C-alpha atoms as a PDB file:
ATOM      1  CA  MET A   1    -174.423 219.035  70.409  1.00  0.00           C
ATOM      2  CA  LEU A   2    -174.907 222.793  70.614  1.00  0.00           C
ATOM      3  CA  LEU A   3    -173.910 225.219  67.892  1.00  0.00           C
ATOM      4  CA  THR A   4    -171.931 228.129  69.294  1.00  0.00           C
ATOM      5  CA  LEU A   5    -171.201 231.361  67.563  1.00  0.00           C
ATOM      6  CA  THR A   6    -167.564 231.923  68.434  1.00  0.00           C
ATOM      7  CA  ARG A   7    -166.532 234.976  66.451  1.00  0.00           C
ATOM      8  CA  LEU A   8    -168.186 237.685  64.391  1.00  0.00           C
ATOM      9  CA  TRP A   9    -165.513 240.074  63.213  1.00  0.00           C
ATOM     10  CA  CYS A  10    -165.552 243.217  61.069  1.00  0.00           C
ATOM     11  CA  ARG A  11    -162.442 245.145  59.997  1.00  0.00           C
ATOM     12  CA  HIS A  12    -163.164 248.379  58.069  1.00  0.00           C
ATOM     13  CA  LEU A  13    -166.067 246.599  56.288  1.00  0.00           C
ATOM     14  CA  SER A  14    -163.551 244.629  54.254  1.00  0.00           C
ATOM     15  CA  ALA A  15    -163.611 241.237  55.966  1.00  0.00           C
ATOM     16  CA  TRP A  16    -166.317 239.343  57.804  1.00  0.00           C
ATOM     17  CA  SER A  17    -165.939 236.004  59.451  1.00  0.00           C
ATOM     18  CA  VAL A  18    -168.407 233.781  61.223  1.00  0.00           C
ATOM     19  CA  GLN A  19    -167.034 230.667  62.745  1.00  0.00           C
ATOM     20  CA  ILE A  20    -169.319 227.906  63.921  1.00  0.00           C
ATOM     21  CA  LYS A  21    -168.175 224.908  65.871  1.00  0.00           C
ATOM     22  CA  GLU A  22    -170.250 221.775  66.120  1.00  0.00           C
ATOM     23  CA  ALA A  23    -168.712 218.703  67.710  1.00  0.00           C
ATOM     24  CA  GLY A  24    -165.241 219.478  66.409  1.00  0.00           C
ATOM     25  CA  LEU A  25    -166.384 220.483  62.913  1.00  0.00           C
ATOM     26  CA  THR A  26    -165.522 224.064  61.963  1.00  0.00           C
ATOM     27  CA  ILE A  27    -167.505 225.867  59.279  1.00  0.00           C
ATOM     28  CA  LYS A  28    -166.251 229.267  58.112  1.00  0.00           C
ATOM     29  CA  VAL A  29    -168.267 231.800  56.172  1.00  0.00           C
ATOM     30  CA  ARG A  30    -166.194 234.636  54.719  1.00  0.00           C
ATOM     31  CA  HIS A  31    -166.887 237.654  52.609  1.00  0.00           C
ATOM     32  CA  VAL A  32    -163.856 239.680  51.636  1.00  0.00           C
ATOM     33  CA  LYS A  33    -164.991 242.914  49.995  1.00  0.00           C
ATOM     34  CA  ILE A  34    -168.204 244.880  49.751  1.00  0.00           C
ATOM     35  CA  SER A  35    -168.229 247.439  46.957  1.00  0.00           C
ATOM     36  CA  ASN A  36    -171.348 249.518  47.543  1.00  0.00           C
ATOM     37  CA  ARG A  37    -173.889 250.275  50.259  1.00  0.00           C
ATOM     38  CA  SER A  38    -176.773 248.234  48.835  1.00  0.00           C
ATOM     39  CA  ARG A  39    -174.585 245.152  48.539  1.00  0.00           C
ATOM     40  CA  MET A  40    -173.328 245.814  52.052  1.00  0.00           C
ATOM     41  CA  GLN A  41    -176.900 246.128  53.354  1.00  0.00           C
ATOM     42  CA  ARG A  42    -177.909 242.871  51.615  1.00  0.00           C
ATOM     43  CA  TYR A  43    -174.886 241.188  53.111  1.00  0.00           C
ATOM     44  CA  LEU A  44    -175.709 242.539  56.579  1.00  0.00           C
ATOM     45  CA  ASP A  45    -179.306 241.371  56.190  1.00  0.00           C
ATOM     46  CA  ALA A  46    -178.097 237.950  55.086  1.00  0.00           C
ATOM     47  CA  GLN A  47    -175.681 237.909  58.009  1.00  0.00           C
ATOM     48  CA  ASN A  48    -178.525 238.766  60.418  1.00  0.00           C
ATOM     49  CA  ASP A  49    -180.706 236.071  58.863  1.00  0.00           C
ATOM     50  CA  LEU A  50    -177.870 233.605  59.328  1.00  0.00           C
ATOM     51  CA  LEU A  51    -177.515 234.614  62.976  1.00  0.00           C
ATOM     52  CA  ARG A  52    -181.274 234.253  63.552  1.00  0.00           C
ATOM     53  CA  SER A  53    -181.198 230.849  61.860  1.00  0.00           C
ATOM     54  CA  LEU A  54    -178.271 229.783  64.004  1.00  0.00           C
ATOM     55  CA  ASP A  55    -180.094 230.939  67.143  1.00  0.00           C
ATOM     56  CA  ALA A  56    -183.198 229.023  66.095  1.00  0.00           C
ATOM     57  CA  LEU A  57    -181.093 225.943  65.363  1.00  0.00           C
ATOM     58  CA  ASN A  58    -179.361 226.323  68.717  1.00  0.00           C
ATOM     59  CA  ASP A  59    -182.756 226.493  70.477  1.00  0.00           C
ATOM     60  CA  LEU A  60    -183.945 223.467  68.529  1.00  0.00           C
ATOM     61  CA  LEU A  61    -180.878 221.471  69.546  1.00  0.00           C
ATOM     62  CA  ARG A  62    -181.370 222.485  73.196  1.00  0.00           C
ATOM     63  CA  ARG A  63    -184.969 221.273  72.988  1.00  0.00           C
ATOM     64  CA  LEU A  64    -183.812 218.038  71.384  1.00  0.00           C
ATOM     65  CA  ASP A  65    -181.344 217.489  74.226  1.00  0.00           C
ATOM     66  CA  ALA A  66    -184.108 218.257  76.734  1.00  0.00           C
ATOM     67  CA  GLN A  67    -186.384 215.748  74.975  1.00  0.00           C
ATOM     68  CA  LYS A  68    -183.661 213.107  75.154  1.00  0.00           C
ATOM     69  CA  ASP A  69    -183.254 213.808  78.874  1.00  0.00           C
ATOM     70  CA  LEU A  70    -187.016 213.566  79.315  1.00  0.00           C
ATOM     71  CA  GLN A  71    -187.091 210.267  77.410  1.00  0.00           C
ATOM     72  CA  ARG A  72    -184.361 208.881  79.678  1.00  0.00           C
ATOM     73  CA  CYS A  73    -186.412 209.947  82.709  1.00  0.00           C
ATOM     74  CA  LEU A  74    -189.517 208.282  81.267  1.00  0.00           C
ATOM     75  CA  ASP A  75    -187.546 205.096  80.613  1.00  0.00           C
ATOM     76  CA  SER A  76    -186.323 205.163  84.216  1.00  0.00           C
ATOM     77  CA  LEU A  77    -189.893 205.648  85.445  1.00  0.00           C
ATOM     78  CA  ASN A  78    -191.029 202.693  83.323  1.00  0.00           C
ATOM     79  CA  ASP A  79    -188.261 200.564  84.829  1.00  0.00           C
ATOM     80  CA  LEU A  80    -189.349 201.664  88.295  1.00  0.00           C
ATOM     81  CA  GLN A  81    -192.977 200.780  87.474  1.00  0.00           C
ATOM     82  CA  ARG A  82    -191.919 197.298  86.343  1.00  0.00           C
ATOM     83  CA  CYS A  83    -189.962 196.847  89.585  1.00  0.00           C
ATOM     84  CA  LEU A  84    -192.965 197.970  91.633  1.00  0.00           C
ATOM     85  CA  ASN A  85    -195.217 195.558  89.741  1.00  0.00           C
ATOM     86  CA  ALA A  86    -192.783 192.716  90.403  1.00  0.00           C
ATOM     87  CA  LEU A  87    -192.646 193.691  94.080  1.00  0.00           C
ATOM     88  CA  ASN A  88    -196.453 193.738  94.196  1.00  0.00           C
ATOM     89  CA  ASP A  89    -196.548 190.237  92.658  1.00  0.00           C
ATOM     90  CA  LEU A  90    -194.026 189.076  95.241  1.00  0.00           C
ATOM     91  CA  LEU A  91    -196.173 190.475  98.056  1.00  0.00           C
ATOM     92  CA  ARG A  92    -199.232 188.655  96.665  1.00  0.00           C
ATOM     93  CA  CYS A  93    -197.219 185.425  96.578  1.00  0.00           C
ATOM     94  CA  LEU A  94    -196.108 185.989 100.171  1.00  0.00           C
ATOM     95  CA  ASP A  95    -199.734 186.563 101.216  1.00  0.00           C
ATOM     96  CA  ALA A  96    -200.771 183.327  99.497  1.00  0.00           C
ATOM     97  CA  LEU A  97    -197.906 181.500 101.179  1.00  0.00           C
ATOM     98  CA  ASN A  98    -198.965 182.954 104.523  1.00  0.00           C
ATOM     99  CA  ASP A  99    -202.539 181.720 103.934  1.00  0.00           C
ATOM    100  CA  LEU A 100    -201.214 178.285 103.034  1.00  0.00           C
ATOM    101  CA  LEU A 101    -199.133 178.157 106.210  1.00  0.00           C
ATOM    102  CA  ARG A 102    -202.182 179.186 108.235  1.00  0.00           C
ATOM    103  CA  CYS A 103    -204.193 176.351 106.643  1.00  0.00           C
ATOM    104  CA  LEU A 104    -201.410 173.874 107.351  1.00  0.00           C
ATOM    105  CA  ASN A 105    -201.329 175.003 110.971  1.00  0.00           C
ATOM    106  CA  ASP A 106    -205.099 174.562 111.188  1.00  0.00           C
ATOM    107  CA  LEU A 107    -204.805 171.060 109.726  1.00  0.00           C
ATOM    108  CA  ASP A 108    -202.019 170.259 112.129  1.00  0.00           C
ATOM    109  CA  ASP A 109    -204.155 171.458 115.060  1.00  0.00           C
ATOM    110  CA  LEU A 110    -207.141 169.478 113.741  1.00  0.00           C
ATOM    111  CA  GLN A 111    -205.056 166.313 113.618  1.00  0.00           C
ATOM    112  CA  TYR A 112    -204.406 166.537 117.363  1.00  0.00           C
ATOM    113  CA  LEU A 113    -208.021 167.379 118.202  1.00  0.00           C
ATOM    114  CA  VAL A 114    -209.780 164.802 116.025  1.00  0.00           C
ATOM    115  CA  PRO A 115    -208.520 161.255 115.643  1.00  0.00           C
ATOM    116  CA  LEU A 116    -208.103 160.257 112.003  1.00  0.00           C
ATOM    117  CA  PRO A 117    -210.764 157.480 112.011  1.00  0.00           C
ATOM    118  CA  ALA A 118    -213.384 160.036 113.133  1.00  0.00           C
ATOM    119  CA  ILE A 119    -212.978 162.259 110.056  1.00  0.00           C
ATOM    120  CA  PRO A 120    -215.239 160.162 107.732  1.00  0.00           C
ATOM    121  CA  LYS A 121    -217.880 160.141 110.459  1.00  0.00           C
ATOM    122  CA  MET A 122    -217.612 163.945 110.697  1.00  0.00           C
ATOM    123  CA  LYS A 123    -218.127 164.240 106.926  1.00  0.00           C
ATOM    124  CA  LYS A 124    -221.303 162.151 107.166  1.00  0.00           C
ATOM    125  CA  GLU A 125    -222.598 164.250 110.068  1.00  0.00           C
ATOM    126  CA  TYR A 126    -221.830 167.410 108.117  1.00  0.00           C
ATOM    127  CA  LYS A 127    -223.873 166.140 105.139  1.00  0.00           C
ATOM    128  CA  ASN A 128    -226.770 165.234 107.458  1.00  0.00           C
ATOM    129  CA  LEU A 129    -226.632 168.661 109.062  1.00  0.00           C
ATOM    130  CA  ARG A 130    -226.726 170.361 105.652  1.00  0.00           C
ATOM    131  CA  ARG A 131    -229.695 168.225 104.569  1.00  0.00           C
ATOM    132  CA  THR A 132    -231.562 169.056 107.787  1.00  0.00           C
ATOM    133  CA  LEU A 133    -230.834 172.736 107.358  1.00  0.00           C
ATOM    134  CA  ARG A 134    -232.036 172.649 103.754  1.00  0.00           C
ATOM    135  CA  GLU A 135    -235.265 170.885 104.732  1.00  0.00           C
ATOM    136  CA  THR A 136    -235.855 173.337 107.568  1.00  0.00           C
ATOM    137  CA  THR A 137    -235.305 176.266 105.239  1.00  0.00           C
ATOM    138  CA  ASN A 138    -237.709 174.803 102.690  1.00  0.00           C
ATOM    139  CA  GLN A 139    -240.353 174.301 105.403  1.00  0.00           C
ATOM    140  CA  LYS A 140    -239.902 177.863 106.650  1.00  0.00           C
ATOM    141  CA  ASP A 141    -240.217 179.184 103.082  1.00  0.00           C
ATOM    142  CA  ALA A 142    -243.381 177.136 102.578  1.00  0.00           C
ATOM    143  CA  TRP A 143    -244.816 178.472 105.853  1.00  0.00           C
ATOM    144  CA  TRP A 144    -244.110 182.068 104.777  1.00  0.00           C
ATOM    145  CA  GLU A 145    -245.602 181.437 101.332  1.00  0.00           C
ATOM    146  CA  GLY A 146    -248.690 179.847 102.865  1.00  0.00           C
ATOM    147  CA  ARG A 147    -249.096 182.737 105.261  1.00  0.00           C
ATOM    148  CA  ALA A 148    -248.723 185.224 102.417  1.00  0.00           C
ATOM    149  CA  SER A 149    -251.514 183.498 100.466  1.00  0.00           C
ATOM    150  CA  PHE A 150    -254.033 184.162 103.290  1.00  0.00           C
ATOM    151  CA  HIS A 151    -253.583 187.916 103.039  1.00  0.00           C
END
């Protein structure tokens, strides 16, 4: 959507034409006769102002197109970020599944090593071991506290 200056034409200072095309729309600006120098100078100044305005508008439209391109790139980057996040979630799920399979393998190995009726007995022994460890730790703490009180 760029404005292009296609023709600026002067014929013995009697006819000027500026033709602008924008997406198939043609706008014509014509001035047929200039009677004196001051009017001609005003017209030339106005013509130059129009050309500067058209250049500024052209630059603005180029920037707008560049901004649209940049927005499309940013949208693509956002889509890529969402895909990477989904891939990261998938990798976390695969890690969790791998851990689960490892646990199942450990349970399967445990089943062959320990007969099923022995498992409740192992739980009881584990509780006894924890209690003994706790009591031993408490005794050691008391011994250290008692020793600290003598100093």
